[in-house]
Amino acid sequence: MTITTDGFLLAFGMPGLPEMLIVGFVVLLLFGGKKLPGLMRNLGRSTNEFKRGMSDTAEDEDNTAPSDESN
C-alpha cells in the first residue's frame, strides 16, 4: 500500500493496457460503432474549448493584476 503526500490511500495504480482495452470495449458496446466517432469529435472540441478558456482566464488575470508603477 502506498500513501500519498495528501494522506489518501492508493489501493490501485494507473490503469494499464488491459484495463484500457476493457474500458474501450465497454464504451464500444454501450454507444455502438456509428456514434463513437461523433462522441470522440465532441470530446476533442470540448477539450480544446476548455484549454482556450483556461488560457483566456490566465491572460485576463495577467492584464488585471495591479501594477506597482504608481510610486
PDB file of N, CA and C in Angstrom:
ATOM      1  N   MET A   1       0.842  -1.186   0.000  1.00  0.00           N
ATOM      2  CA  MET A   1       0.000   0.000   0.000  1.00  0.00           C
ATOM      3  C   MET A   1       0.881   1.241   0.000  1.00  0.00           C
ATOM      4  N   THR A   2       0.418   2.243  -0.718  1.00  0.00           N
ATOM      5  CA  THR A   2       1.173   3.479  -0.825  1.00  0.00           C
ATOM      6  C   THR A   2       0.329   4.629  -0.307  1.00  0.00           C
ATOM      7  N   ILE A   3       0.925   5.511   0.455  1.00  0.00           N
ATOM      8  CA  ILE A   3       0.224   6.693   0.947  1.00  0.00           C
ATOM      9  C   ILE A   3       0.817   7.903   0.250  1.00  0.00           C
ATOM     10  N   THR A   4      -0.047   8.752  -0.308  1.00  0.00           N
ATOM     11  CA  THR A   4       0.423   9.946  -0.999  1.00  0.00           C
ATOM     12  C   THR A   4       0.721  11.032   0.011  1.00  0.00           C
ATOM     13  N   THR A   5       1.218  12.163  -0.458  1.00  0.00           N
ATOM     14  CA  THR A   5       1.519  13.283   0.422  1.00  0.00           C
ATOM     15  C   THR A   5       0.257  13.892   1.010  1.00  0.00           C
ATOM     16  N   ASP A   6      -0.892  13.700   0.346  1.00  0.00           N
ATOM     17  CA  ASP A   6      -2.156  14.220   0.857  1.00  0.00           C
ATOM     18  C   ASP A   6      -2.749  13.306   1.918  1.00  0.00           C
ATOM     19  N   GLY A   7      -2.194  12.109   2.099  1.00  0.00           N
ATOM     20  CA  GLY A   7      -2.684  11.186   3.084  1.00  0.00           C
ATOM     21  C   GLY A   7      -3.726  10.215   2.560  1.00  0.00           C
ATOM     22  N   PHE A   8      -4.040  10.275   1.286  1.00  0.00           N
ATOM     23  CA  PHE A   8      -5.005   9.346   0.704  1.00  0.00           C
ATOM     24  C   PHE A   8      -4.323   8.013   0.419  1.00  0.00           C
ATOM     25  N   LEU A   9      -5.036   6.961   0.658  1.00  0.00           N
ATOM     26  CA  LEU A   9      -4.505   5.631   0.424  1.00  0.00           C
ATOM     27  C   LEU A   9      -4.754   5.237  -1.017  1.00  0.00           C
ATOM     28  N   LEU A  10      -3.713   4.871  -1.704  1.00  0.00           N
ATOM     29  CA  LEU A  10      -3.839   4.437  -3.091  1.00  0.00           C
ATOM     30  C   LEU A  10      -3.921   2.922  -3.122  1.00  0.00           C
ATOM     31  N   ALA A  11      -5.097   2.409  -3.428  1.00  0.00           N
ATOM     32  CA  ALA A  11      -5.261   0.965  -3.496  1.00  0.00           C
ATOM     33  C   ALA A  11      -4.906   0.441  -4.874  1.00  0.00           C
ATOM     34  N   PHE A  12      -5.087   1.259  -5.898  1.00  0.00           N
ATOM     35  CA  PHE A  12      -4.840   0.848  -7.270  1.00  0.00           C
ATOM     36  C   PHE A  12      -3.920   1.852  -7.934  1.00  0.00           C
ATOM     37  N   GLY A  13      -3.108   1.369  -8.848  1.00  0.00           N
ATOM     38  CA  GLY A  13      -2.223   2.250  -9.600  1.00  0.00           C
ATOM     39  C   GLY A  13      -2.925   2.775 -10.837  1.00  0.00           C
ATOM     40  N   MET A  14      -2.159   3.314 -11.741  1.00  0.00           N
ATOM     41  CA  MET A  14      -2.694   3.800 -13.003  1.00  0.00           C
ATOM     42  C   MET A  14      -3.172   2.616 -13.836  1.00  0.00           C
ATOM     43  N   PRO A  15      -4.253   2.796 -14.583  1.00  0.00           N
ATOM     44  CA  PRO A  15      -4.729   1.676 -15.415  1.00  0.00           C
ATOM     45  C   PRO A  15      -3.741   1.371 -16.538  1.00  0.00           C
ATOM     46  N   GLY A  16      -3.533   0.101 -16.770  1.00  0.00           N
ATOM     47  CA  GLY A  16      -2.612  -0.338 -17.809  1.00  0.00           C
ATOM     48  C   GLY A  16      -3.357  -0.627 -19.099  1.00  0.00           C
ATOM     49  N   LEU A  17      -2.679  -1.255 -20.024  1.00  0.00           N
ATOM     50  CA  LEU A  17      -3.250  -1.559 -21.331  1.00  0.00           C
ATOM     51  C   LEU A  17      -4.464  -2.491 -21.233  1.00  0.00           C
ATOM     52  N   PRO A  18      -4.405  -3.566 -20.454  1.00  0.00           N
ATOM     53  CA  PRO A  18      -5.591  -4.439 -20.389  1.00  0.00           C
ATOM     54  C   PRO A  18      -6.836  -3.720 -19.865  1.00  0.00           C
ATOM     55  N   GLU A  19      -6.659  -2.885 -18.855  1.00  0.00           N
ATOM     56  CA  GLU A  19      -7.792  -2.151 -18.309  1.00  0.00           C
ATOM     57  C   GLU A  19      -8.356  -1.156 -19.321  1.00  0.00           C
ATOM     58  N   MET A  20      -7.450  -0.481 -20.049  1.00  0.00           N
ATOM     59  CA  MET A  20      -7.900   0.488 -21.038  1.00  0.00           C
ATOM     60  C   MET A  20      -8.639  -0.209 -22.187  1.00  0.00           C
ATOM     61  N   LEU A  21      -8.183  -1.404 -22.566  1.00  0.00           N
ATOM     62  CA  LEU A  21      -8.874  -2.157 -23.613  1.00  0.00           C
ATOM     63  C   LEU A  21     -10.272  -2.574 -23.159  1.00  0.00           C
ATOM     64  N   ILE A  22     -10.396  -2.966 -21.907  1.00  0.00           N
ATOM     65  CA  ILE A  22     -11.713  -3.341 -21.380  1.00  0.00           C
ATOM     66  C   ILE A  22     -12.642  -2.138 -21.370  1.00  0.00           C
ATOM     67  N   VAL A  23     -12.152  -1.008 -20.931  1.00  0.00           N
ATOM     68  CA  VAL A  23     -12.969   0.209 -20.918  1.00  0.00           C
ATOM     69  C   VAL A  23     -13.378   0.582 -22.336  1.00  0.00           C
ATOM     70  N   GLY A  24     -12.454   0.511 -23.280  1.00  0.00           N
ATOM     71  CA  GLY A  24     -12.771   0.816 -24.674  1.00  0.00           C
ATOM     72  C   GLY A  24     -13.809  -0.126 -25.243  1.00  0.00           C
ATOM     73  N   PHE A  25     -13.713  -1.402 -24.900  1.00  0.00           N
ATOM     74  CA  PHE A  25     -14.688  -2.387 -25.368  1.00  0.00           C
ATOM     75  C   PHE A  25     -16.065  -2.104 -24.790  1.00  0.00           C
ATOM     76  N   VAL A  26     -16.137  -1.740 -23.521  1.00  0.00           N
ATOM     77  CA  VAL A  26     -17.428  -1.427 -22.889  1.00  0.00           C
ATOM     78  C   VAL A  26     -18.039  -0.180 -23.523  1.00  0.00           C
ATOM     79  N   VAL A  27     -17.222   0.832 -23.792  1.00  0.00           N
ATOM     80  CA  VAL A  27     -17.722   2.048 -24.440  1.00  0.00           C
ATOM     81  C   VAL A  27     -18.247   1.715 -25.831  1.00  0.00           C
ATOM     82  N   LEU A  28     -17.536   0.878 -26.545  1.00  0.00           N
ATOM     83  CA  LEU A  28     -17.975   0.465 -27.878  1.00  0.00           C
ATOM     84  C   LEU A  28     -19.301  -0.286 -27.808  1.00  0.00           C
ATOM     85  N   LEU A  29     -19.459  -1.138 -26.807  1.00  0.00           N
ATOM     86  CA  LEU A  29     -20.724  -1.858 -26.636  1.00  0.00           C
ATOM     87  C   LEU A  29     -21.872  -0.923 -26.283  1.00  0.00           C
ATOM     88  N   LEU A  30     -21.596   0.062 -25.434  1.00  0.00           N
ATOM     89  CA  LEU A  30     -22.655   0.969 -24.987  1.00  0.00           C
ATOM     90  C   LEU A  30     -23.115   1.913 -26.087  1.00  0.00           C
ATOM     91  N   PHE A  31     -22.177   2.490 -26.819  1.00  0.00           N
ATOM     92  CA  PHE A  31     -22.538   3.530 -27.774  1.00  0.00           C
ATOM     93  C   PHE A  31     -22.599   3.040 -29.213  1.00  0.00           C
ATOM     94  N   GLY A  32     -21.979   1.944 -29.519  1.00  0.00           N
ATOM     95  CA  GLY A  32     -22.001   1.428 -30.884  1.00  0.00           C
ATOM     96  C   GLY A  32     -20.951   2.092 -31.752  1.00  0.00           C
ATOM     97  N   GLY A  33     -20.679   1.469 -32.875  1.00  0.00           N
ATOM     98  CA  GLY A  33     -19.632   1.952 -33.769  1.00  0.00           C
ATOM     99  C   GLY A  33     -20.002   3.218 -34.519  1.00  0.00           C
ATOM    100  N   LYS A  34     -21.295   3.452 -34.749  1.00  0.00           N
ATOM    101  CA  LYS A  34     -21.704   4.620 -35.536  1.00  0.00           C
ATOM    102  C   LYS A  34     -21.625   5.915 -34.735  1.00  0.00           C
ATOM    103  N   LYS A  35     -21.909   5.874 -33.440  1.00  0.00           N
ATOM    104  CA  LYS A  35     -21.916   7.091 -32.628  1.00  0.00           C
ATOM    105  C   LYS A  35     -20.553   7.418 -32.043  1.00  0.00           C
ATOM    106  N   LEU A  36     -19.660   6.455 -31.999  1.00  0.00           N
ATOM    107  CA  LEU A  36     -18.370   6.651 -31.355  1.00  0.00           C
ATOM    108  C   LEU A  36     -17.525   7.758 -31.992  1.00  0.00           C
ATOM    109  N   PRO A  37     -17.398   7.867 -33.331  1.00  0.00           N
ATOM    110  CA  PRO A  37     -16.611   8.965 -33.901  1.00  0.00           C
ATOM    111  C   PRO A  37     -17.171  10.351 -33.536  1.00  0.00           C
ATOM    112  N   GLY A  38     -18.484  10.475 -33.525  1.00  0.00           N
ATOM    113  CA  GLY A  38     -19.091  11.755 -33.148  1.00  0.00           C
ATOM    114  C   GLY A  38     -18.825  12.099 -31.693  1.00  0.00           C
ATOM    115  N   LEU A  39     -18.871  11.096 -30.824  1.00  0.00           N
ATOM    116  CA  LEU A  39     -18.580  11.323 -29.412  1.00  0.00           C
ATOM    117  C   LEU A  39     -17.142  11.771 -29.207  1.00  0.00           C
ATOM    118  N   MET A  40     -16.211  11.128 -29.904  1.00  0.00           N
ATOM    119  CA  MET A  40     -14.799  11.492 -29.768  1.00  0.00           C
ATOM    120  C   MET A  40     -14.538  12.890 -30.341  1.00  0.00           C
ATOM    121  N   ARG A  41     -15.212  13.233 -31.439  1.00  0.00           N
ATOM    122  CA  ARG A  41     -15.074  14.558 -32.038  1.00  0.00           C
ATOM    123  C   ARG A  41     -15.553  15.631 -31.053  1.00  0.00           C
ATOM    124  N   ASN A  42     -16.705  15.383 -30.436  1.00  0.00           N
ATOM    125  CA  ASN A  42     -17.234  16.332 -29.462  1.00  0.00           C
ATOM    126  C   ASN A  42     -16.343  16.428 -28.231  1.00  0.00           C
ATOM    127  N   LEU A  43     -15.758  15.305 -27.820  1.00  0.00           N
ATOM    128  CA  LEU A  43     -14.834  15.331 -26.691  1.00  0.00           C
ATOM    129  C   LEU A  43     -13.607  16.180 -27.023  1.00  0.00           C
ATOM    130  N   GLY A  44     -13.087  16.045 -28.230  1.00  0.00           N
ATOM    131  CA  GLY A  44     -11.947  16.855 -28.650  1.00  0.00           C
ATOM    132  C   GLY A  44     -12.275  18.333 -28.705  1.00  0.00           C
ATOM    133  N   ARG A  45     -13.448  18.659 -29.224  1.00  0.00           N
ATOM    134  CA  ARG A  45     -13.866  20.067 -29.275  1.00  0.00           C
ATOM    135  C   ARG A  45     -14.032  20.637 -27.875  1.00  0.00           C
ATOM    136  N   SER A  46     -14.610  19.850 -26.985  1.00  0.00           N
ATOM    137  CA  SER A  46     -14.796  20.310 -25.605  1.00  0.00           C
ATOM    138  C   SER A  46     -13.454  20.538 -24.920  1.00  0.00           C
ATOM    139  N   THR A  47     -12.504  19.641 -25.164  1.00  0.00           N
ATOM    140  CA  THR A  47     -11.181  19.786 -24.572  1.00  0.00           C
ATOM    141  C   THR A  47     -10.495  21.044 -25.095  1.00  0.00           C
ATOM    142  N   ASN A  48     -10.579  21.285 -26.394  1.00  0.00           N
ATOM    143  CA  ASN A  48      -9.974  22.490 -26.965  1.00  0.00           C
ATOM    144  C   ASN A  48     -10.630  23.749 -26.417  1.00  0.00           C
ATOM    145  N   GLU A  49     -11.938  23.748 -26.283  1.00  0.00           N
ATOM    146  CA  GLU A  49     -12.641  24.909 -25.736  1.00  0.00           C
ATOM    147  C   GLU A  49     -12.243  25.152 -24.285  1.00  0.00           C
ATOM    148  N   PHE A  50     -12.089  24.082 -23.519  1.00  0.00           N
ATOM    149  CA  PHE A  50     -11.671  24.211 -22.128  1.00  0.00           C
ATOM    150  C   PHE A  50     -10.270  24.811 -22.044  1.00  0.00           C
ATOM    151  N   LYS A  51      -9.343  24.311 -22.860  1.00  0.00           N
ATOM    152  CA  LYS A  51      -7.978  24.838 -22.859  1.00  0.00           C
ATOM    153  C   LYS A  51      -7.960  26.304 -23.268  1.00  0.00           C
ATOM    154  N   ARG A  52      -8.764  26.650 -24.276  1.00  0.00           N
ATOM    155  CA  ARG A  52      -8.845  28.045 -24.729  1.00  0.00           C
ATOM    156  C   ARG A  52      -9.381  28.933 -23.612  1.00  0.00           C
ATOM    157  N   GLY A  53     -10.392  28.458 -22.907  1.00  0.00           N
ATOM    158  CA  GLY A  53     -10.952  29.226 -21.802  1.00  0.00           C
ATOM    159  C   GLY A  53      -9.962  29.398 -20.665  1.00  0.00           C
ATOM    160  N   MET A  54      -9.182  28.353 -20.388  1.00  0.00           N
ATOM    161  CA  MET A  54      -8.180  28.456 -19.322  1.00  0.00           C
ATOM    162  C   MET A  54      -7.089  29.455 -19.691  1.00  0.00           C
ATOM    163  N   SER A  55      -6.648  29.452 -20.949  1.00  0.00           N
ATOM    164  CA  SER A  55      -5.604  30.389 -21.350  1.00  0.00           C
ATOM    165  C   SER A  55      -6.143  31.817 -21.377  1.00  0.00           C
ATOM    166  N   ASP A  56      -7.404  32.011 -21.771  1.00  0.00           N
ATOM    167  CA  ASP A  56      -8.004  33.341 -21.749  1.00  0.00           C
ATOM    168  C   ASP A  56      -8.114  33.856 -20.327  1.00  0.00           C
ATOM    169  N   THR A  57      -8.456  32.974 -19.393  1.00  0.00           N
ATOM    170  CA  THR A  57      -8.569  33.369 -17.991  1.00  0.00           C
ATOM    171  C   THR A  57      -7.206  33.769 -17.445  1.00  0.00           C
ATOM    172  N   ALA A  58      -6.172  33.019 -17.791  1.00  0.00           N
ATOM    173  CA  ALA A  58      -4.826  33.346 -17.324  1.00  0.00           C
ATOM    174  C   ALA A  58      -4.370  34.683 -17.894  1.00  0.00           C
ATOM    175  N   GLU A  59      -4.689  34.960 -19.165  1.00  0.00           N
ATOM    176  CA  GLU A  59      -4.317  36.238 -19.769  1.00  0.00           C
ATOM    177  C   GLU A  59      -5.088  37.385 -19.121  1.00  0.00           C
ATOM    178  N   ASP A  60      -6.368  37.172 -18.809  1.00  0.00           N
ATOM    179  CA  ASP A  60      -7.162  38.207 -18.160  1.00  0.00           C
ATOM    180  C   ASP A  60      -6.618  38.525 -16.777  1.00  0.00           C
ATOM    181  N   GLU A  61      -6.185  37.507 -16.032  1.00  0.00           N
ATOM    182  CA  GLU A  61      -5.613  37.732 -14.715  1.00  0.00           C
ATOM    183  C   GLU A  61      -4.308  38.496 -14.809  1.00  0.00           C
ATOM    184  N   ASP A  62      -3.517  38.215 -15.836  1.00  0.00           N
ATOM    185  CA  ASP A  62      -2.259  38.940 -16.015  1.00  0.00           C
ATOM    186  C   ASP A  62      -2.519  40.400 -16.361  1.00  0.00           C
ATOM    187  N   ASN A  63      -3.547  40.655 -17.157  1.00  0.00           N
ATOM    188  CA  ASN A  63      -3.850  42.024 -17.570  1.00  0.00           C
ATOM    189  C   ASN A  63      -4.478  42.841 -16.452  1.00  0.00           C
ATOM    190  N   THR A  64      -5.185  42.219 -15.529  1.00  0.00           N
ATOM    191  CA  THR A  64      -5.860  42.954 -14.465  1.00  0.00           C
ATOM    192  C   THR A  64      -5.062  42.994 -13.182  1.00  0.00           C
ATOM    193  N   ALA A  65      -3.859  42.423 -13.172  1.00  0.00           N
ATOM    194  CA  ALA A  65      -3.022  42.432 -11.979  1.00  0.00           C
ATOM    195  C   ALA A  65      -2.594  43.871 -11.692  1.00  0.00           C
ATOM    196  N   PRO A  66      -2.677  44.281 -10.435  1.00  0.00           N
ATOM    197  CA  PRO A  66      -2.282  45.660 -10.108  1.00  0.00           C
ATOM    198  C   PRO A  66      -0.777  45.859 -10.345  1.00  0.00           C
ATOM    199  N   SER A  67      -0.463  46.973 -10.966  1.00  0.00           N
ATOM    200  CA  SER A  67       0.945  47.258 -11.236  1.00  0.00           C
ATOM    201  C   SER A  67       1.503  48.152 -10.140  1.00  0.00           C
ATOM    202  N   ASP A  68       2.799  48.146  -9.989  1.00  0.00           N
ATOM    203  CA  ASP A  68       3.469  48.924  -8.951  1.00  0.00           C
ATOM    204  C   ASP A  68       4.136  50.151  -9.561  1.00  0.00           C
ATOM    205  N   GLU A  69       3.546  50.697 -10.616  1.00  0.00           N
ATOM    206  CA  GLU A  69       4.121  51.845 -11.310  1.00  0.00           C
ATOM    207  C   GLU A  69       3.674  53.181 -10.723  1.00  0.00           C
ATOM    208  N   SER A  70       2.796  53.187  -9.741  1.00  0.00           N
ATOM    209  CA  SER A  70       2.266  54.444  -9.193  1.00  0.00           C
ATOM    210  C   SER A  70       3.240  55.156  -8.283  1.00  0.00           C
ATOM    211  N   ASN A  71       4.354  54.521  -7.896  1.00  0.00           N
ATOM    212  CA  ASN A  71       5.322  55.153  -6.992  1.00  0.00           C
ATOM    213  C   ASN A  71       6.153  56.106  -7.705  1.00  0.00           C
TER     214      ASN A  71
END
